[in-house]
């Protein structure tokens, strides 16, 4: 990797680390009585990154905190919070799906980040953040990548929802449609899963690979030649080690 590309990858990695915070704080956030949901999709050179944020309203948060507090002591223990977080992540994983290219795709979800704040039943509104990754298949520079993302999760007391598109440098968007309607850089709606339950369709081209390789999740598997070379090198190292041990044993006997 050249120095220039290394610097670009480092900068993009830092941007990726901060994008979740931008997704959380770029909106009004929680409300009094309803739960708001936001999606941000970032197509990159080797993946599509999905940031999925739920802001629970103040009143729904109070109900959820009381439900989490299974021992009714007014304090949310780490295990009580973890149980709720795990159940919510399972709901999101079951309700979401993606296809990317002819062979489908899998959303690799990171562990949920529950912004519980004060761990008490009176702690106020809180949020849940998930980051998912859909890896691209290997392709030529002119190939159009087509992603479909669906979320059928039904929130209690649904409020505002928004889907935003945030392509990385070097990515050209060919199409962005939500529920069959052209939406460009994004779309807002009120109540329920809305058009994302029908599917969001994204088509894009990778014109530069600056944003590839930010981590190993979407790293292509090694080729057969690379595997064979690794096996041969490993075998040679073992033979040298065995020879060195044998020579050492002979010297000791002398």
Protein backbone atom coordinates (compact mmCIF):
# COMPACT_ATOMS: atom_id res chain seq x y z
CA UNK A 1 0.00 0.00 0.00
CA UNK A 2 1.42 3.42 -0.96
CA UNK A 3 1.88 6.15 1.64
CA UNK A 4 -0.80 8.28 -0.02
CA UNK A 5 -3.33 5.45 0.01
CA UNK A 6 -2.41 4.58 3.60
CA UNK A 7 -3.17 8.17 4.62
CA UNK A 8 -6.50 8.06 2.75
CA UNK A 9 -7.48 4.78 4.44
CA UNK A 10 -6.53 6.19 7.85
CA UNK A 11 -8.64 9.29 7.26
CA UNK A 12 -11.61 7.24 6.05
CA UNK A 13 -11.24 4.93 9.05
CA UNK A 14 -11.44 7.91 11.38
CA UNK A 15 -14.51 9.15 9.51
CA UNK A 16 -16.07 5.71 9.87
CA UNK A 17 -15.43 5.75 13.61
CA UNK A 18 -17.19 9.10 13.91
CA UNK A 19 -20.10 8.40 11.56
CA UNK A 20 -22.17 6.71 14.25
CA UNK A 21 -21.91 9.80 16.43
CA UNK A 22 -22.93 11.99 13.48
CA UNK A 23 -25.93 9.75 12.82
CA UNK A 24 -27.02 10.05 16.42
CA UNK A 25 -26.54 13.79 16.84
CA UNK A 26 -27.57 15.04 13.40
CA UNK A 27 -31.26 14.73 14.32
CA UNK A 28 -33.59 16.06 16.99
CA UNK A 29 -33.41 12.66 18.66
CA UNK A 30 -35.90 11.50 21.26
CA UNK A 31 -39.40 12.90 21.70
CA UNK A 32 -41.85 12.87 24.57
CA UNK A 33 -44.29 10.18 23.50
CA UNK A 34 -43.01 8.31 20.41
CA UNK A 35 -40.01 6.30 19.24
CA UNK A 36 -37.95 7.62 16.31
CA UNK A 37 -35.82 5.50 14.00
CA UNK A 38 -32.99 6.53 11.65
CA UNK A 39 -30.98 4.64 9.03
CA UNK A 40 -27.76 5.77 7.37
CA UNK A 41 -26.39 3.71 4.49
CA UNK A 42 -22.80 4.33 3.38
CA UNK A 43 -21.74 2.49 0.20
CA UNK A 44 -17.96 1.97 0.10
CA UNK A 45 -15.51 0.29 -2.23
CA UNK A 46 -15.85 -3.14 -0.61
CA UNK A 47 -19.01 -2.89 1.54
CA UNK A 48 -22.19 -1.06 2.44
CA UNK A 49 -22.26 0.17 6.02
CA UNK A 50 -25.65 0.46 7.73
CA UNK A 51 -26.07 2.59 10.86
CA UNK A 52 -29.41 1.82 12.55
CA UNK A 53 -30.47 4.10 15.42
CA UNK A 54 -33.60 4.06 17.57
CA UNK A 55 -34.39 6.99 19.87
CA UNK A 56 -36.93 5.88 22.45
CA UNK A 57 -39.17 8.72 23.65
CA UNK A 58 -39.26 9.83 27.26
CA UNK A 59 -42.54 8.11 28.11
CA UNK A 60 -41.77 4.85 26.22
CA UNK A 61 -38.31 4.83 27.83
CA UNK A 62 -39.88 5.01 31.29
CA UNK A 63 -42.01 1.95 30.48
CA UNK A 64 -39.03 0.06 29.05
CA UNK A 65 -36.87 0.84 32.07
CA UNK A 66 -39.56 -0.49 34.42
CA UNK A 67 -39.81 -3.67 32.34
CA UNK A 68 -36.02 -4.11 32.40
CA UNK A 69 -35.98 -3.85 36.19
CA UNK A 70 -37.01 -7.45 36.82
CA UNK A 71 -36.09 -7.42 40.53
CA UNK A 72 -38.00 -4.15 41.06
CA UNK A 73 -35.23 -2.44 43.03
CA UNK A 74 -35.21 0.73 40.93
CA UNK A 75 -31.67 0.03 39.66
CA UNK A 76 -30.87 -1.47 36.24
CA UNK A 77 -28.12 -4.01 36.74
CA UNK A 78 -25.66 -4.87 33.97
CA UNK A 79 -27.38 -8.23 33.44
CA UNK A 80 -30.84 -6.63 33.21
CA UNK A 81 -29.61 -4.14 30.60
CA UNK A 82 -27.75 -6.87 28.71
CA UNK A 83 -30.88 -9.05 28.59
CA UNK A 84 -32.93 -6.26 27.05
CA UNK A 85 -30.14 -5.26 24.64
CA UNK A 86 -29.79 -8.86 23.45
CA UNK A 87 -33.53 -9.20 22.88
CA UNK A 88 -33.66 -5.93 20.93
CA UNK A 89 -30.69 -6.93 18.76
CA UNK A 90 -32.34 -10.27 18.02
CA UNK A 91 -35.49 -8.43 16.93
CA UNK A 92 -33.50 -6.21 14.57
CA UNK A 93 -31.53 -9.14 13.13
CA UNK A 94 -34.72 -11.15 12.51
CA UNK A 95 -36.51 -8.19 10.93
CA UNK A 96 -33.77 -7.00 8.56
CA UNK A 97 -32.45 -8.55 5.37
CA UNK A 98 -30.25 -7.56 2.45
CA UNK A 99 -29.42 -8.79 -1.02
CA UNK A 100 -26.36 -7.65 -2.93
CA UNK A 101 -25.77 -9.07 -6.38
CA UNK A 102 -26.94 -12.42 -7.67
CA UNK A 103 -25.71 -14.46 -4.69
CA UNK A 104 -27.50 -12.57 -1.93
CA UNK A 105 -25.76 -11.10 1.09
CA UNK A 106 -25.48 -11.25 4.84
CA UNK A 107 -25.67 -8.30 7.22
CA UNK A 108 -22.83 -8.60 9.73
CA UNK A 109 -24.15 -6.78 12.80
CA UNK A 110 -21.85 -5.51 15.51
CA UNK A 111 -23.05 -5.85 19.13
CA UNK A 112 -25.73 -3.33 19.97
CA UNK A 113 -24.74 -0.14 21.80
CA UNK A 114 -27.45 0.78 24.29
CA UNK A 115 -27.10 4.39 25.43
CA UNK A 116 -28.88 3.77 28.72
CA UNK A 117 -27.31 6.70 30.57
CA UNK A 118 -28.27 6.53 34.26
CA UNK A 119 -28.94 2.88 35.08
CA UNK A 120 -32.12 3.51 37.03
CA UNK A 121 -35.83 3.30 36.29
CA UNK A 122 -35.98 7.12 36.37
CA UNK A 123 -33.02 7.62 34.05
CA UNK A 124 -34.94 9.23 31.19
CA UNK A 125 -34.93 8.65 27.43
CA UNK A 126 -32.28 6.44 25.84
CA UNK A 127 -31.16 5.22 22.42
CA UNK A 128 -30.04 2.01 20.73
CA UNK A 129 -27.40 1.97 17.99
CA UNK A 130 -26.44 -0.90 15.70
CA UNK A 131 -23.88 -0.98 12.89
CA UNK A 132 -24.20 -3.55 10.12
CA UNK A 133 -21.95 -4.36 7.18
CA UNK A 134 -22.85 -5.95 3.85
CA UNK A 135 -19.77 -7.04 1.88
CA UNK A 136 -19.47 -6.58 -1.87
CA UNK A 137 -18.48 -9.42 -4.13
CA UNK A 138 -15.33 -9.04 -6.17
CA UNK A 139 -16.07 -7.18 -9.39
CA UNK A 140 -14.64 -5.09 -12.18
CA UNK A 141 -14.51 -1.27 -12.08
CA UNK A 142 -17.51 -0.86 -14.43
CA UNK A 143 -19.87 -3.23 -12.62
CA UNK A 144 -22.99 -1.76 -11.03
CA UNK A 145 -23.64 -3.04 -7.50
CA UNK A 146 -27.30 -3.41 -6.55
CA UNK A 147 -28.30 -3.57 -2.90
CA UNK A 148 -31.76 -4.17 -1.47
CA UNK A 149 -32.27 -3.53 2.24
CA UNK A 150 -35.49 -4.40 4.07
CA UNK A 151 -36.55 -3.75 7.66
CA UNK A 152 -39.90 -4.99 8.93
CA UNK A 153 -39.36 -4.25 12.62
CA UNK A 154 -42.52 -2.78 14.14
CA UNK A 155 -41.77 -0.26 16.88
CA UNK A 156 -44.28 0.44 19.61
CA UNK A 157 -45.51 4.05 19.42
CA UNK A 158 -43.64 4.82 16.17
CA UNK A 159 -42.81 8.43 15.38
CA UNK A 160 -40.42 9.84 12.79
CA UNK A 161 -38.27 7.65 10.57
CA UNK A 162 -35.57 8.72 8.15
CA UNK A 163 -33.27 6.93 5.70
CA UNK A 164 -30.18 8.80 4.53
CA UNK A 165 -27.53 7.95 1.95
CA UNK A 166 -23.88 8.85 2.70
CA UNK A 167 -21.57 7.46 -0.02
CA UNK A 168 -17.82 7.29 0.53
CA UNK A 169 -15.43 9.20 -1.78
CA UNK A 170 -15.06 7.45 -5.12
CA UNK A 171 -18.59 6.00 -5.10
CA UNK A 172 -21.06 7.08 -7.80
CA UNK A 173 -24.76 6.56 -7.07
CA UNK A 174 -26.80 5.31 -10.01
CA UNK A 175 -30.15 4.77 -8.28
CA UNK A 176 -31.70 5.28 -4.83
CA UNK A 177 -35.30 4.10 -4.44
CA UNK A 178 -37.41 3.55 -1.33
CA UNK A 179 -40.64 1.59 -1.60
CA UNK A 180 -40.43 1.90 -5.38
CA UNK A 181 -40.02 5.70 -5.30
CA UNK A 182 -36.88 7.64 -6.26
CA UNK A 183 -35.60 9.33 -3.10
CA UNK A 184 -32.07 10.48 -3.94
CA UNK A 185 -30.08 11.21 -0.79
CA UNK A 186 -32.85 10.22 1.62
CA UNK A 187 -36.44 10.30 2.77
CA UNK A 188 -38.48 10.90 5.96
CA UNK A 189 -41.83 9.46 6.97
CA UNK A 190 -44.08 9.24 10.01
CA UNK A 191 -45.31 6.12 11.79
CA UNK A 192 -44.47 2.44 11.39
CA UNK A 193 -41.88 0.68 9.28
CA UNK A 194 -43.20 2.55 6.26
CA UNK A 195 -41.59 2.16 2.83
CA UNK A 196 -38.43 0.47 4.13
CA UNK A 197 -40.57 -2.62 4.83
CA UNK A 198 -41.14 -2.77 1.06
CA UNK A 199 -37.42 -2.41 0.44
CA UNK A 200 -34.75 0.18 -0.26
CA UNK A 201 -32.93 -0.28 -3.57
CA UNK A 202 -29.48 1.19 -4.10
CA UNK A 203 -27.34 0.94 -7.24
CA UNK A 204 -23.79 2.30 -7.30
CA UNK A 205 -20.41 2.07 -9.01
CA UNK A 206 -16.98 1.98 -7.39
CA UNK A 207 -14.81 4.48 -9.25
CA UNK A 208 -11.98 4.54 -6.69
CA UNK A 209 -10.98 2.04 -4.01
CA UNK A 210 -9.99 4.62 -1.36
CA UNK A 211 -12.55 3.27 1.12
CA UNK A 212 -11.65 -0.42 0.75
CA UNK A 213 -9.86 -2.42 3.43
CA UNK A 214 -10.85 -0.40 6.49
CA UNK A 215 -10.97 -3.72 8.36
CA UNK A 216 -10.72 -7.44 7.58
CA UNK A 217 -14.47 -8.16 7.63
CA UNK A 218 -14.84 -7.88 3.84
CA UNK A 219 -11.32 -9.01 2.99
CA UNK A 220 -11.45 -11.53 0.09
CA UNK A 221 -10.42 -15.12 0.93
CA UNK A 222 -6.86 -16.07 0.00
CA UNK A 223 -6.34 -17.64 -3.42
CA UNK A 224 -5.32 -21.28 -3.84
CA UNK A 225 -1.82 -20.13 -4.82
CA UNK A 226 -1.57 -18.06 -1.64
CA UNK A 227 -2.81 -21.01 0.47
CA UNK A 228 -0.26 -23.36 -1.10
CA UNK A 229 2.55 -20.86 -0.52
CA UNK A 230 1.49 -20.47 3.12
CA UNK A 231 1.46 -24.25 3.59
CA UNK A 232 4.92 -24.61 2.02
CA UNK A 233 6.37 -21.78 4.10
CA UNK A 234 4.82 -23.22 7.26
CA UNK A 235 6.20 -26.67 6.44
CA UNK A 236 9.66 -25.27 5.81
CA UNK A 237 9.62 -23.46 9.14
CA UNK A 238 8.63 -26.67 10.94
CA UNK A 239 11.43 -28.63 9.20
CA UNK A 240 13.99 -25.99 10.15
CA UNK A 241 12.75 -26.03 13.73
CA UNK A 242 12.94 -29.82 13.87
CA UNK A 243 16.45 -29.78 12.41
CA UNK A 244 17.58 -27.18 14.94
CA UNK A 245 16.17 -29.24 17.83
CA UNK A 246 17.81 -32.40 16.49
CA UNK A 247 21.18 -30.66 16.16
CA UNK A 248 20.85 -29.35 19.70
CA UNK A 249 20.13 -32.85 21.01
CA UNK A 250 23.18 -34.27 19.22
CA UNK A 251 25.42 -31.58 20.69
CA UNK A 252 24.13 -32.33 24.19
CA UNK A 253 24.93 -36.06 23.81
CA UNK A 254 28.47 -35.17 22.86
